[in-house]
PDB file of N, CA and C in Angstrom:
ATOM      1  N   MET A   1     146.470  75.705  54.077  1.00  0.00           N
ATOM      2  CA  MET A   1     145.826  77.104  53.910  1.00  0.00           C
ATOM      3  C   MET A   1     145.453  77.685  55.685  1.00  0.00           C
ATOM      4  N   GLU A   2     145.419  78.624  55.676  1.00  0.00           N
ATOM      5  CA  GLU A   2     145.234  79.248  57.382  1.00  0.00           C
ATOM      6  C   GLU A   2     143.772  80.109  57.017  1.00  0.00           C
ATOM      7  N   ILE A   3     142.663  79.720  58.322  1.00  0.00           N
ATOM      8  CA  ILE A   3     141.575  80.715  57.882  1.00  0.00           C
ATOM      9  C   ILE A   3     141.801  81.521  59.342  1.00  0.00           C
ATOM     10  N   ALA A   4     141.522  82.552  59.822  1.00  0.00           N
ATOM     11  CA  ALA A   4     141.416  82.796  60.796  1.00  0.00           C
ATOM     12  C   ALA A   4     139.555  83.210  61.055  1.00  0.00           C
ATOM     13  N   ILE A   5     139.246  82.733  62.539  1.00  0.00           N
ATOM     14  CA  ILE A   5     138.349  83.047  62.286  1.00  0.00           C
ATOM     15  C   ILE A   5     137.684  83.833  64.056  1.00  0.00           C
ATOM     16  N   ILE A   6     137.427  84.864  63.560  1.00  0.00           N
ATOM     17  CA  ILE A   6     136.858  85.680  64.961  1.00  0.00           C
ATOM     18  C   ILE A   6     135.272  85.872  64.932  1.00  0.00           C
ATOM     19  N   ALA A   7     134.702  86.481  65.924  1.00  0.00           N
ATOM     20  CA  ALA A   7     133.446  86.601  66.176  1.00  0.00           C
ATOM     21  C   ALA A   7     132.978  87.568  66.887  1.00  0.00           C
ATOM     22  N   HIS A   8     132.053  88.575  66.841  1.00  0.00           N
ATOM     23  CA  HIS A   8     131.725  89.355  68.160  1.00  0.00           C
ATOM     24  C   HIS A   8     130.854  88.373  68.621  1.00  0.00           C
ATOM     25  N   ASP A   9     130.753  89.080  70.051  1.00  0.00           N
ATOM     26  CA  ASP A   9     130.370  87.995  71.078  1.00  0.00           C
ATOM     27  C   ASP A   9     128.356  87.602  70.158  1.00  0.00           C
ATOM     28  N   GLY A  10     127.656  88.796  69.504  1.00  0.00           N
ATOM     29  CA  GLY A  10     126.448  88.656  69.437  1.00  0.00           C
ATOM     30  C   GLY A  10     126.174  87.355  67.807  1.00  0.00           C
ATOM     31  N   LYS A  11     127.686  87.144  67.647  1.00  0.00           N
ATOM     32  CA  LYS A  11     127.567  86.510  66.157  1.00  0.00           C
ATOM     33  C   LYS A  11     128.492  85.203  66.815  1.00  0.00           C
ATOM     34  N   LYS A  12     128.662  84.826  67.262  1.00  0.00           N
ATOM     35  CA  LYS A  12     129.643  83.846  68.085  1.00  0.00           C
ATOM     36  C   LYS A  12     128.906  82.232  67.546  1.00  0.00           C
ATOM     37  N   ALA A  13     127.316  82.372  68.456  1.00  0.00           N
ATOM     38  CA  ALA A  13     127.227  80.811  67.797  1.00  0.00           C
ATOM     39  C   ALA A  13     126.580  80.323  65.760  1.00  0.00           C
ATOM     40  N   GLU A  14     126.681  82.157  65.481  1.00  0.00           N
ATOM     41  CA  GLU A  14     126.254  81.970  63.756  1.00  0.00           C
ATOM     42  C   GLU A  14     127.775  81.131  63.248  1.00  0.00           C
ATOM     43  N   MET A  15     128.623  81.570  64.060  1.00  0.00           N
ATOM     44  CA  MET A  15     130.040  80.959  63.587  1.00  0.00           C
ATOM     45  C   MET A  15     130.520  79.690  63.712  1.00  0.00           C
ATOM     46  N   ILE A  16     129.902  79.486  64.674  1.00  0.00           N
ATOM     47  CA  ILE A  16     130.242  77.710  65.181  1.00  0.00           C
ATOM     48  C   ILE A  16     128.942  77.150  63.873  1.00  0.00           C
ATOM     49  N   GLN A  17     128.079  77.610  63.703  1.00  0.00           N
ATOM     50  CA  GLN A  17     127.054  76.817  63.004  1.00  0.00           C
ATOM     51  C   GLN A  17     127.897  77.086  61.758  1.00  0.00           C
ATOM     52  N   PHE A  18     128.260  78.016  61.509  1.00  0.00           N
ATOM     53  CA  PHE A  18     129.115  78.222  59.625  1.00  0.00           C
ATOM     54  C   PHE A  18     130.028  77.063  59.743  1.00  0.00           C
ATOM     55  N   LEU A  19     130.600  77.132  61.081  1.00  0.00           N
ATOM     56  CA  LEU A  19     132.112  75.847  60.469  1.00  0.00           C
ATOM     57  C   LEU A  19     131.765  74.509  60.830  1.00  0.00           C
ATOM     58  N   MET A  20     130.604  74.331  61.484  1.00  0.00           N
ATOM     59  CA  MET A  20     129.849  72.765  61.741  1.00  0.00           C
ATOM     60  C   MET A  20     128.987  72.658  59.671  1.00  0.00           C
ATOM     61  N   ASP A  21     128.596  73.300  59.100  1.00  0.00           N
ATOM     62  CA  ASP A  21     127.891  73.260  58.001  1.00  0.00           C
ATOM     63  C   ASP A  21     129.361  73.212  56.990  1.00  0.00           C
ATOM     64  N   PHE A  22     130.442  73.640  57.127  1.00  0.00           N
ATOM     65  CA  PHE A  22     131.804  73.197  56.326  1.00  0.00           C
ATOM     66  C   PHE A  22     132.518  72.376  56.921  1.00  0.00           C
ATOM     67  N   LYS A  23     132.560  71.677  57.791  1.00  0.00           N
ATOM     68  CA  LYS A  23     133.203  70.713  58.668  1.00  0.00           C
ATOM     69  C   LYS A  23     133.918  69.863  57.287  1.00  0.00           C
ATOM     70  N   ALA A  24     133.047  69.377  57.044  1.00  0.00           N
ATOM     71  CA  ALA A  24     133.651  68.036  55.909  1.00  0.00           C
ATOM     72  C   ALA A  24     134.646  68.904  54.993  1.00  0.00           C
ATOM     73  N   THR A  25     134.628  70.015  54.197  1.00  0.00           N
ATOM     74  CA  THR A  25     135.398  70.919  53.568  1.00  0.00           C
ATOM     75  C   THR A  25     136.792  71.517  54.106  1.00  0.00           C
ATOM     76  N   LEU A  26     136.734  72.076  55.496  1.00  0.00           N
ATOM     77  CA  LEU A  26     137.702  72.466  56.512  1.00  0.00           C
ATOM     78  C   LEU A  26     138.948  70.989  56.772  1.00  0.00           C
ATOM     79  N   LEU A  27     137.972  70.020  57.206  1.00  0.00           N
ATOM     80  CA  LEU A  27     138.716  69.202  57.277  1.00  0.00           C
ATOM     81  C   LEU A  27     139.638  68.252  56.048  1.00  0.00           C
ATOM     82  N   ALA A  28     138.684  67.977  55.071  1.00  0.00           N
ATOM     83  CA  ALA A  28     139.184  68.074  53.444  1.00  0.00           C
ATOM     84  C   ALA A  28     140.225  68.271  52.717  1.00  0.00           C
ATOM     85  N   LYS A  29     140.217  69.540  52.922  1.00  0.00           N
ATOM     86  CA  LYS A  29     141.253  70.533  52.437  1.00  0.00           C
ATOM     87  C   LYS A  29     142.142  71.152  53.600  1.00  0.00           C
ATOM     88  N   ASP A  30     142.628  70.076  54.548  1.00  0.00           N
ATOM     89  CA  ASP A  30     143.562  70.390  55.666  1.00  0.00           C
ATOM     90  C   ASP A  30     143.787  71.676  55.949  1.00  0.00           C
ATOM     91  N   ILE A  31     142.652  72.832  56.424  1.00  0.00           N
ATOM     92  CA  ILE A  31     142.280  73.879  56.589  1.00  0.00           C
ATOM     93  C   ILE A  31     142.614  74.152  58.324  1.00  0.00           C
ATOM     94  N   HIS A  32     143.740  74.912  58.316  1.00  0.00           N
ATOM     95  CA  HIS A  32     144.303  75.060  60.102  1.00  0.00           C
ATOM     96  C   HIS A  32     143.813  76.473  60.204  1.00  0.00           C
ATOM     97  N   LEU A  33     142.923  76.736  61.224  1.00  0.00           N
ATOM     98  CA  LEU A  33     142.036  77.913  61.876  1.00  0.00           C
ATOM     99  C   LEU A  33     142.831  77.947  63.379  1.00  0.00           C
ATOM    100  N   VAL A  34     142.656  79.124  62.870  1.00  0.00           N
ATOM    101  CA  VAL A  34     143.252  80.492  64.093  1.00  0.00           C
ATOM    102  C   VAL A  34     142.543  81.465  64.943  1.00  0.00           C
ATOM    103  N   ALA A  35     142.330  81.671  65.581  1.00  0.00           N
ATOM    104  CA  ALA A  35     141.078  82.816  66.281  1.00  0.00           C
ATOM    105  C   ALA A  35     141.469  83.247  67.699  1.00  0.00           C
ATOM    106  N   THR A  36     140.290  84.426  67.754  1.00  0.00           N
ATOM    107  CA  THR A  36     140.572  84.771  68.827  1.00  0.00           C
ATOM    108  C   THR A  36     140.275  83.803  70.254  1.00  0.00           C
ATOM    109  N   GLY A  37     140.025  84.284  71.499  1.00  0.00           N
ATOM    110  CA  GLY A  37     140.585  83.559  72.515  1.00  0.00           C
ATOM    111  C   GLY A  37     138.814  82.997  72.728  1.00  0.00           C
ATOM    112  N   THR A  38     137.913  83.596  72.710  1.00  0.00           N
ATOM    113  CA  THR A  38     136.511  83.006  73.142  1.00  0.00           C
ATOM    114  C   THR A  38     136.010  82.040  71.627  1.00  0.00           C
ATOM    115  N   THR A  39     136.440  82.613  70.759  1.00  0.00           N
ATOM    116  CA  THR A  39     135.676  82.258  69.675  1.00  0.00           C
ATOM    117  C   THR A  39     136.452  81.163  69.136  1.00  0.00           C
ATOM    118  N   GLY A  40     137.619  80.955  69.669  1.00  0.00           N
ATOM    119  CA  GLY A  40     138.719  79.541  69.205  1.00  0.00           C
ATOM    120  C   GLY A  40     138.186  78.606  70.210  1.00  0.00           C
ATOM    121  N   LYS A  41     137.626  79.097  71.496  1.00  0.00           N
ATOM    122  CA  LYS A  41     137.332  78.104  72.656  1.00  0.00           C
ATOM    123  C   LYS A  41     135.867  77.900  72.521  1.00  0.00           C
ATOM    124  N   ASN A  42     135.016  78.065  71.670  1.00  0.00           N
ATOM    125  CA  ASN A  42     133.577  77.850  71.133  1.00  0.00           C
ATOM    126  C   ASN A  42     134.132  76.577  70.097  1.00  0.00           C
ATOM    127  N   ALA A  43     135.143  77.296  68.982  1.00  0.00           N
ATOM    128  CA  ALA A  43     135.144  76.139  68.079  1.00  0.00           C
ATOM    129  C   ALA A  43     135.667  74.748  68.840  1.00  0.00           C
ATOM    130  N   GLU A  44     136.494  75.464  69.701  1.00  0.00           N
ATOM    131  CA  GLU A  44     137.060  73.925  70.587  1.00  0.00           C
ATOM    132  C   GLU A  44     136.192  72.795  71.075  1.00  0.00           C
ATOM    133  N   LYS A  45     134.860  73.520  71.277  1.00  0.00           N
ATOM    134  CA  LYS A  45     133.803  72.697  72.042  1.00  0.00           C
ATOM    135  C   LYS A  45     133.019  72.089  70.768  1.00  0.00           C
ATOM    136  N   ALA A  46     133.478  72.541  69.801  1.00  0.00           N
ATOM    137  CA  ALA A  46     132.678  72.024  68.735  1.00  0.00           C
ATOM    138  C   ALA A  46     133.149  70.808  67.922  1.00  0.00           C
ATOM    139  N   GLY A  47     134.364  70.802  68.498  1.00  0.00           N
ATOM    140  CA  GLY A  47     135.230  69.318  68.165  1.00  0.00           C
ATOM    141  C   GLY A  47     136.476  70.289  67.171  1.00  0.00           C
ATOM    142  N   PHE A  48     136.268  71.392  66.777  1.00  0.00           N
ATOM    143  CA  PHE A  48     137.451  71.804  66.027  1.00  0.00           C
ATOM    144  C   PHE A  48     138.440  72.063  66.640  1.00  0.00           C
ATOM    145  N   VAL A  49     139.979  72.010  66.276  1.00  0.00           N
ATOM    146  CA  VAL A  49     141.469  72.329  66.337  1.00  0.00           C
ATOM    147  C   VAL A  49     141.209  73.480  65.555  1.00  0.00           C
ATOM    148  N   VAL A  50     142.156  74.409  67.152  1.00  0.00           N
ATOM    149  CA  VAL A  50     142.101  75.692  66.506  1.00  0.00           C
ATOM    150  C   VAL A  50     143.591  76.268  67.602  1.00  0.00           C
ATOM    151  N   LYS A  51     144.253  77.014  66.594  1.00  0.00           N
ATOM    152  CA  LYS A  51     144.849  77.471  67.423  1.00  0.00           C
ATOM    153  C   LYS A  51     144.460  79.602  67.558  1.00  0.00           C
ATOM    154  N   LYS A  52     144.714  79.187  69.431  1.00  0.00           N
ATOM    155  CA  LYS A  52     143.945  80.125  69.830  1.00  0.00           C
ATOM    156  C   LYS A  52     145.067  81.536  70.109  1.00  0.00           C
ATOM    157  N   TYR A  53     144.212  82.677  70.175  1.00  0.00           N
ATOM    158  CA  TYR A  53     145.149  83.940  70.472  1.00  0.00           C
ATOM    159  C   TYR A  53     144.268  84.583  71.650  1.00  0.00           C
ATOM    160  N   LEU A  54     144.388  85.998  71.798  1.00  0.00           N
ATOM    161  CA  LEU A  54     143.928  86.379  72.944  1.00  0.00           C
ATOM    162  C   LEU A  54     142.738  86.723  72.591  1.00  0.00           C
ATOM    163  N   SER A  55     142.130  87.005  73.211  1.00  0.00           N
ATOM    164  CA  SER A  55     140.820  87.643  73.382  1.00  0.00           C
ATOM    165  C   SER A  55     140.452  89.077  72.436  1.00  0.00           C
ATOM    166  N   GLY A  56     139.618  89.323  71.535  1.00  0.00           N
ATOM    167  CA  GLY A  56     139.779  90.447  71.083  1.00  0.00           C
ATOM    168  C   GLY A  56     139.965  92.128  71.704  1.00  0.00           C
ATOM    169  N   PRO A  57     139.398  92.233  72.469  1.00  0.00           N
ATOM    170  CA  PRO A  57     139.508  93.001  73.236  1.00  0.00           C
ATOM    171  C   PRO A  57     140.720  93.492  74.028  1.00  0.00           C
ATOM    172  N   TYR A  58     141.792  92.174  74.131  1.00  0.00           N
ATOM    173  CA  TYR A  58     142.623  92.371  75.035  1.00  0.00           C
ATOM    174  C   TYR A  58     144.104  92.012  74.209  1.00  0.00           C
ATOM    175  N   GLY A  59     143.694  92.030  72.800  1.00  0.00           N
ATOM    176  CA  GLY A  59     144.893  92.215  71.487  1.00  0.00           C
ATOM    177  C   GLY A  59     144.693  91.279  70.762  1.00  0.00           C
ATOM    178  N   GLY A  60     143.804  90.251  70.551  1.00  0.00           N
ATOM    179  CA  GLY A  60     143.613  89.046  70.011  1.00  0.00           C
ATOM    180  C   GLY A  60     143.577  89.478  68.510  1.00  0.00           C
ATOM    181  N   ASP A  61     142.518  90.885  68.149  1.00  0.00           N
ATOM    182  CA  ASP A  61     142.562  91.293  66.742  1.00  0.00           C
ATOM    183  C   ASP A  61     144.065  91.507  66.322  1.00  0.00           C
ATOM    184  N   ALA A  62     144.583  92.514  67.302  1.00  0.00           N
ATOM    185  CA  ALA A  62     146.270  92.818  66.464  1.00  0.00           C
ATOM    186  C   ALA A  62     146.276  91.405  66.129  1.00  0.00           C
ATOM    187  N   GLN A  63     146.756  90.504  67.025  1.00  0.00           N
ATOM    188  CA  GLN A  63     147.683  89.318  67.062  1.00  0.00           C
ATOM    189  C   GLN A  63     147.067  88.345  65.368  1.00  0.00           C
ATOM    190  N   ILE A  64     145.808  88.580  65.336  1.00  0.00           N
ATOM    191  CA  ILE A  64     145.526  87.788  64.270  1.00  0.00           C
ATOM    192  C   ILE A  64     146.086  89.132  62.687  1.00  0.00           C
ATOM    193  N   ALA A  65     146.247  89.999  62.959  1.00  0.00           N
ATOM    194  CA  ALA A  65     146.374  91.313  62.032  1.00  0.00           C
ATOM    195  C   ALA A  65     148.086  91.168  61.709  1.00  0.00           C
ATOM    196  N   ALA A  66     148.237  91.121  62.700  1.00  0.00           N
ATOM    197  CA  ALA A  66     149.857  90.531  62.547  1.00  0.00           C
ATOM    198  C   ALA A  66     150.085  89.347  61.602  1.00  0.00           C
ATOM    199  N   ARG A  67     149.465  87.946  62.046  1.00  0.00           N
ATOM    200  CA  ARG A  67     149.525  87.017  60.993  1.00  0.00           C
ATOM    201  C   ARG A  67     149.720  87.844  59.488  1.00  0.00           C
ATOM    202  N   VAL A  68     148.430  88.473  59.342  1.00  0.00           N
ATOM    203  CA  VAL A  68     147.846  88.758  57.997  1.00  0.00           C
ATOM    204  C   VAL A  68     149.204  89.258  57.620  1.00  0.00           C
ATOM    205  N   ALA A  69     149.521  90.280  58.127  1.00  0.00           N
ATOM    206  CA  ALA A  69     150.852  91.276  57.897  1.00  0.00           C
ATOM    207  C   ALA A  69     152.099  90.186  57.448  1.00  0.00           C
ATOM    208  N   GLU A  70     152.205  89.418  58.122  1.00  0.00           N
ATOM    209  CA  GLU A  70     153.548  88.346  58.176  1.00  0.00           C
ATOM    210  C   GLU A  70     153.233  87.317  57.076  1.00  0.00           C
ATOM    211  N   GLY A  71     151.973  87.216  56.413  1.00  0.00           N
ATOM    212  CA  GLY A  71     151.711  86.209  55.371  1.00  0.00           C
ATOM    213  C   GLY A  71     151.347  85.179  55.592  1.00  0.00           C
ATOM    214  N   ASN A  72     151.082  84.585  56.969  1.00  0.00           N
ATOM    215  CA  ASN A  72     150.186  83.413  57.360  1.00  0.00           C
ATOM    216  C   ASN A  72     149.403  83.424  56.988  1.00  0.00           C
ATOM    217  N   THR A  73     148.152  84.063  57.406  1.00  0.00           N
ATOM    218  CA  THR A  73     146.634  83.940  57.364  1.00  0.00           C
ATOM    219  C   THR A  73     146.472  84.015  55.910  1.00  0.00           C
ATOM    220  N   ASP A  74     145.824  82.851  55.302  1.00  0.00           N
ATOM    221  CA  ASP A  74     145.146  83.245  53.929  1.00  0.00           C
ATOM    222  C   ASP A  74     144.006  83.887  53.334  1.00  0.00           C
ATOM    223  N   MET A  75     142.995  83.403  54.849  1.00  0.00           N
ATOM    224  CA  MET A  75     141.930  84.063  54.476  1.00  0.00           C
ATOM    225  C   MET A  75     141.144  84.552  56.318  1.00  0.00           C
ATOM    226  N   VAL A  76     140.562  85.306  56.168  1.00  0.00           N
ATOM    227  CA  VAL A  76     140.194  85.871  57.619  1.00  0.00           C
ATOM    228  C   VAL A  76     138.185  85.907  57.471  1.00  0.00           C
ATOM    229  N   PHE A  77     137.527  85.105  58.348  1.00  0.00           N
ATOM    230  CA  PHE A  77     136.214  85.099  58.525  1.00  0.00           C
ATOM    231  C   PHE A  77     135.924  86.046  60.023  1.00  0.00           C
ATOM    232  N   PHE A  78     135.522  87.146  59.761  1.00  0.00           N
ATOM    233  CA  PHE A  78     135.244  88.165  61.168  1.00  0.00           C
ATOM    234  C   PHE A  78     133.328  88.183  61.480  1.00  0.00           C
ATOM    235  N   PHE A  79     133.018  87.631  61.877  1.00  0.00           N
ATOM    236  CA  PHE A  79     131.320  87.943  61.677  1.00  0.00           C
ATOM    237  C   PHE A  79     131.498  89.180  62.935  1.00  0.00           C
ATOM    238  N   ARG A  80     131.262  90.003  62.577  1.00  0.00           N
ATOM    239  CA  ARG A  80     131.000  91.410  63.295  1.00  0.00           C
ATOM    240  C   ARG A  80     129.454  91.967  63.655  1.00  0.00           C
ATOM    241  N   ASP A  81     129.436  92.108  64.393  1.00  0.00           N
ATOM    242  CA  ASP A  81     127.756  92.861  65.107  1.00  0.00           C
ATOM    243  C   ASP A  81     128.072  94.559  64.919  1.00  0.00           C
ATOM    244  N   PRO A  82     127.310  94.585  63.918  1.00  0.00           N
ATOM    245  CA  PRO A  82     127.197  95.929  63.328  1.00  0.00           C
ATOM    246  C   PRO A  82     126.281  97.343  64.363  1.00  0.00           C
ATOM    247  N   LEU A  83     125.527  96.072  65.172  1.00  0.00           N
ATOM    248  CA  LEU A  83     124.821  96.919  65.764  1.00  0.00           C
ATOM    249  C   LEU A  83     125.049  97.054  66.954  1.00  0.00           C
ATOM    250  N   ASP A  84     126.301  97.193  67.551  1.00  0.00           N
ATOM    251  CA  ASP A  84     126.870  97.257  69.104  1.00  0.00           C
ATOM    252  C   ASP A  84     128.205  97.678  68.509  1.00  0.00           C
ATOM    253  N   LYS A  85     128.407  98.612  70.267  1.00  0.00           N
ATOM    254  CA  LYS A  85     129.943  99.471  70.574  1.00  0.00           C
ATOM    255  C   LYS A  85     130.908  97.701  70.495  1.00  0.00           C
ATOM    256  N   HIS A  86     131.624  98.287  70.242  1.00  0.00           N
ATOM    257  CA  HIS A  86     133.138  97.725  70.513  1.00  0.00           C
ATOM    258  C   HIS A  86     134.445  98.633  70.914  1.00  0.00           C
ATOM    259  N   PRO A  87     134.974  98.456  72.189  1.00  0.00           N
ATOM    260  CA  PRO A  87     135.719  98.726  72.938  1.00  0.00           C
ATOM    261  C   PRO A  87     137.201  98.916  71.857  1.00  0.00           C
ATOM    262  N   HIS A  88     137.294  98.025  71.211  1.00  0.00           N
ATOM    263  CA  HIS A  88     138.529  97.638  70.480  1.00  0.00           C
ATOM    264  C   HIS A  88     138.356  97.848  69.176  1.00  0.00           C
ATOM    265  N   GLU A  89     137.389  98.817  68.444  1.00  0.00           N
ATOM    266  CA  GLU A  89     137.295  99.361  67.416  1.00  0.00           C
ATOM    267  C   GLU A  89     138.627  99.434  66.442  1.00  0.00           C
ATOM    268  N   PRO A  90     139.387 100.184  67.269  1.00  0.00           N
ATOM    269  CA  PRO A  90     140.864 100.304  66.677  1.00  0.00           C
ATOM    270  C   PRO A  90     141.703  99.313  65.851  1.00  0.00           C
ATOM    271  N   ASP A  91     141.790  98.428  66.643  1.00  0.00           N
ATOM    272  CA  ASP A  91     141.957  97.017  66.229  1.00  0.00           C
ATOM    273  C   ASP A  91     141.428  96.193  65.278  1.00  0.00           C
ATOM    274  N   ILE A  92     139.977  96.451  64.983  1.00  0.00           N
ATOM    275  CA  ILE A  92     139.123  95.465  63.879  1.00  0.00           C
ATOM    276  C   ILE A  92     139.519  96.637  62.647  1.00  0.00           C
ATOM    277  N   ALA A  93     139.561  97.490  62.589  1.00  0.00           N
ATOM    278  CA  ALA A  93     139.866  98.466  61.690  1.00  0.00           C
ATOM    279  C   ALA A  93     141.509  98.364  61.204  1.00  0.00           C
ATOM    280  N   MET A  94     142.282  98.245  62.270  1.00  0.00           N
ATOM    281  CA  MET A  94     143.615  97.676  61.474  1.00  0.00           C
ATOM    282  C   MET A  94     143.615  96.623  60.722  1.00  0.00           C
ATOM    283  N   LEU A  95     142.897  95.446  61.635  1.00  0.00           N
ATOM    284  CA  LEU A  95     142.874  94.028  61.078  1.00  0.00           C
ATOM    285  C   LEU A  95     142.200  94.194  59.582  1.00  0.00           C
ATOM    286  N   MET A  96     141.328  94.867  59.834  1.00  0.00           N
ATOM    287  CA  MET A  96     140.581  95.077  58.356  1.00  0.00           C
ATOM    288  C   MET A  96     141.595  95.827  56.908  1.00  0.00           C
ATOM    289  N   ARG A  97     142.206  96.960  57.745  1.00  0.00           N
ATOM    290  CA  ARG A  97     142.956  97.584  56.710  1.00  0.00           C
ATOM    291  C   ARG A  97     144.322  96.751  56.456  1.00  0.00           C
ATOM    292  N   LEU A  98     144.460  96.129  57.074  1.00  0.00           N
ATOM    293  CA  LEU A  98     145.871  95.019  56.518  1.00  0.00           C
ATOM    294  C   LEU A  98     145.387  93.779  55.506  1.00  0.00           C
ATOM    295  N   CYS A  99     144.331  93.513  55.523  1.00  0.00           N
ATOM    296  CA  CYS A  99     143.540  92.074  54.667  1.00  0.00           C
ATOM    297  C   CYS A  99     143.318  93.083  53.514  1.00  0.00           C
ATOM    298  N   ASP A 100     143.277  94.378  53.343  1.00  0.00           N
ATOM    299  CA  ASP A 100     143.360  95.082  52.500  1.00  0.00           C
ATOM    300  C   ASP A 100     144.804  95.458  51.662  1.00  0.00           C
ATOM    301  N   VAL A 101     145.558  96.100  52.658  1.00  0.00           N
ATOM    302  CA  VAL A 101     146.234  95.866  52.340  1.00  0.00           C
ATOM    303  C   VAL A 101     147.321  94.840  51.150  1.00  0.00           C
ATOM    304  N   HIS A 102     147.301  93.881  52.071  1.00  0.00           N
ATOM    305  CA  HIS A 102     147.863  92.481  51.682  1.00  0.00           C
ATOM    306  C   HIS A 102     147.239  91.347  50.913  1.00  0.00           C
ATOM    307  N   ASN A 103     145.810  91.701  50.487  1.00  0.00           N
ATOM    308  CA  ASN A 103     145.010  91.503  49.544  1.00  0.00           C
ATOM    309  C   ASN A 103     144.884  90.022  49.932  1.00  0.00           C
ATOM    310  N   VAL A 104     144.033  89.992  51.562  1.00  0.00           N
ATOM    311  CA  VAL A 104     143.566  88.682  51.980  1.00  0.00           C
ATOM    312  C   VAL A 104     142.685  88.644  52.050  1.00  0.00           C
ATOM    313  N   PRO A 105     141.442  87.735  51.369  1.00  0.00           N
ATOM    314  CA  PRO A 105     140.169  87.795  51.506  1.00  0.00           C
ATOM    315  C   PRO A 105     139.273  88.358  53.094  1.00  0.00           C
ATOM    316  N   LEU A 106     138.125  89.029  53.013  1.00  0.00           N
ATOM    317  CA  LEU A 106     137.795  88.983  54.339  1.00  0.00           C
ATOM    318  C   LEU A 106     136.344  89.007  54.436  1.00  0.00           C
ATOM    319  N   ALA A 107     135.890  87.834  54.861  1.00  0.00           N
ATOM    320  CA  ALA A 107     134.428  87.649  55.029  1.00  0.00           C
ATOM    321  C   ALA A 107     133.992  88.487  56.128  1.00  0.00           C
ATOM    322  N   THR A 108     132.927  88.934  56.380  1.00  0.00           N
ATOM    323  CA  THR A 108     132.432  89.604  57.760  1.00  0.00           C
ATOM    324  C   THR A 108     130.977  89.319  57.903  1.00  0.00           C
ATOM    325  N   ASN A 109     130.403  88.536  56.993  1.00  0.00           N
ATOM    326  CA  ASN A 109     128.728  87.918  57.599  1.00  0.00           C
ATOM    327  C   ASN A 109     129.152  86.738  56.930  1.00  0.00           C
ATOM    328  N   PRO A 110     128.245  85.772  56.877  1.00  0.00           N
ATOM    329  CA  PRO A 110     128.115  84.237  56.577  1.00  0.00           C
ATOM    330  C   PRO A 110     127.890  84.066  54.742  1.00  0.00           C
ATOM    331  N   ALA A 111     127.363  84.916  54.498  1.00  0.00           N
ATOM    332  CA  ALA A 111     126.849  85.160  53.140  1.00  0.00           C
ATOM    333  C   ALA A 111     128.683  84.509  52.821  1.00  0.00           C
ATOM    334  N   THR A 112     128.826  85.773  52.665  1.00  0.00           N
ATOM    335  CA  THR A 112     130.608  85.978  51.821  1.00  0.00           C
ATOM    336  C   THR A 112     131.489  84.748  52.478  1.00  0.00           C
ATOM    337  N   ALA A 113     131.563  84.561  53.785  1.00  0.00           N
ATOM    338  CA  ALA A 113     132.124  83.864  53.984  1.00  0.00           C
ATOM    339  C   ALA A 113     131.801  82.262  53.060  1.00  0.00           C
ATOM    340  N   GLU A 114     130.595  82.139  52.811  1.00  0.00           N
ATOM    341  CA  GLU A 114     130.114  80.826  52.227  1.00  0.00           C
ATOM    342  C   GLU A 114     130.899  80.801  50.452  1.00  0.00           C
ATOM    343  N   LEU A 115     130.601  81.977  50.242  1.00  0.00           N
ATOM    344  CA  LEU A 115     130.904  82.578  48.878  1.00  0.00           C
ATOM    345  C   LEU A 115     132.660  81.752  48.975  1.00  0.00           C
ATOM    346  N   LEU A 116     133.982  82.167  49.751  1.00  0.00           N
ATOM    347  CA  LEU A 116     135.090  81.762  49.653  1.00  0.00           C
ATOM    348  C   LEU A 116     135.281  80.426  50.215  1.00  0.00           C
ATOM    349  N   MET A 117     134.109  80.506  50.868  1.00  0.00           N
ATOM    350  CA  MET A 117     134.919  78.913  51.285  1.00  0.00           C
ATOM    351  C   MET A 117     134.676  77.805  50.077  1.00  0.00           C
ATOM    352  N   LYS A 118     133.670  78.017  48.954  1.00  0.00           N
ATOM    353  CA  LYS A 118     132.823  77.328  47.894  1.00  0.00           C
ATOM    354  C   LYS A 118     134.226  77.773  46.913  1.00  0.00           C
ATOM    355  N   SER A 119     135.115  78.594  47.034  1.00  0.00           N
ATOM    356  CA  SER A 119     135.714  78.651  46.326  1.00  0.00           C
ATOM    357  C   SER A 119     137.197  78.012  46.625  1.00  0.00           C
ATOM    358  N   VAL A 120     137.639  77.422  47.615  1.00  0.00           N
ATOM    359  CA  VAL A 120     138.507  76.725  47.776  1.00  0.00           C
ATOM    360  C   VAL A 120     138.977  75.258  47.478  1.00  0.00           C
TER     361      VAL A 120
END
């Protein structure tokens, strides 16, 4: 199973804490993580193995969206910061739309991601 992890700057610490909380499940279920650049670097620093793509504003969100469209990604955890502006909002919207088109579960906050992790 492949899970994509993405977090806006204001949510990166929350994403890493979430991963730490579910580390045993991620390892036990042999879940492969893919991530946008900076989120992936932070996850690696926390001890996770992650395939990193570009940073979100440089096309990483679009690369993850392509993986969703190709059927490679089974879930997306995208901890968004709804109180900040993001110059790559069109890529974010595309990723969210493709998750809907391809019926891929998408969690935009830790509460939803936790429910998804409990279903794995």
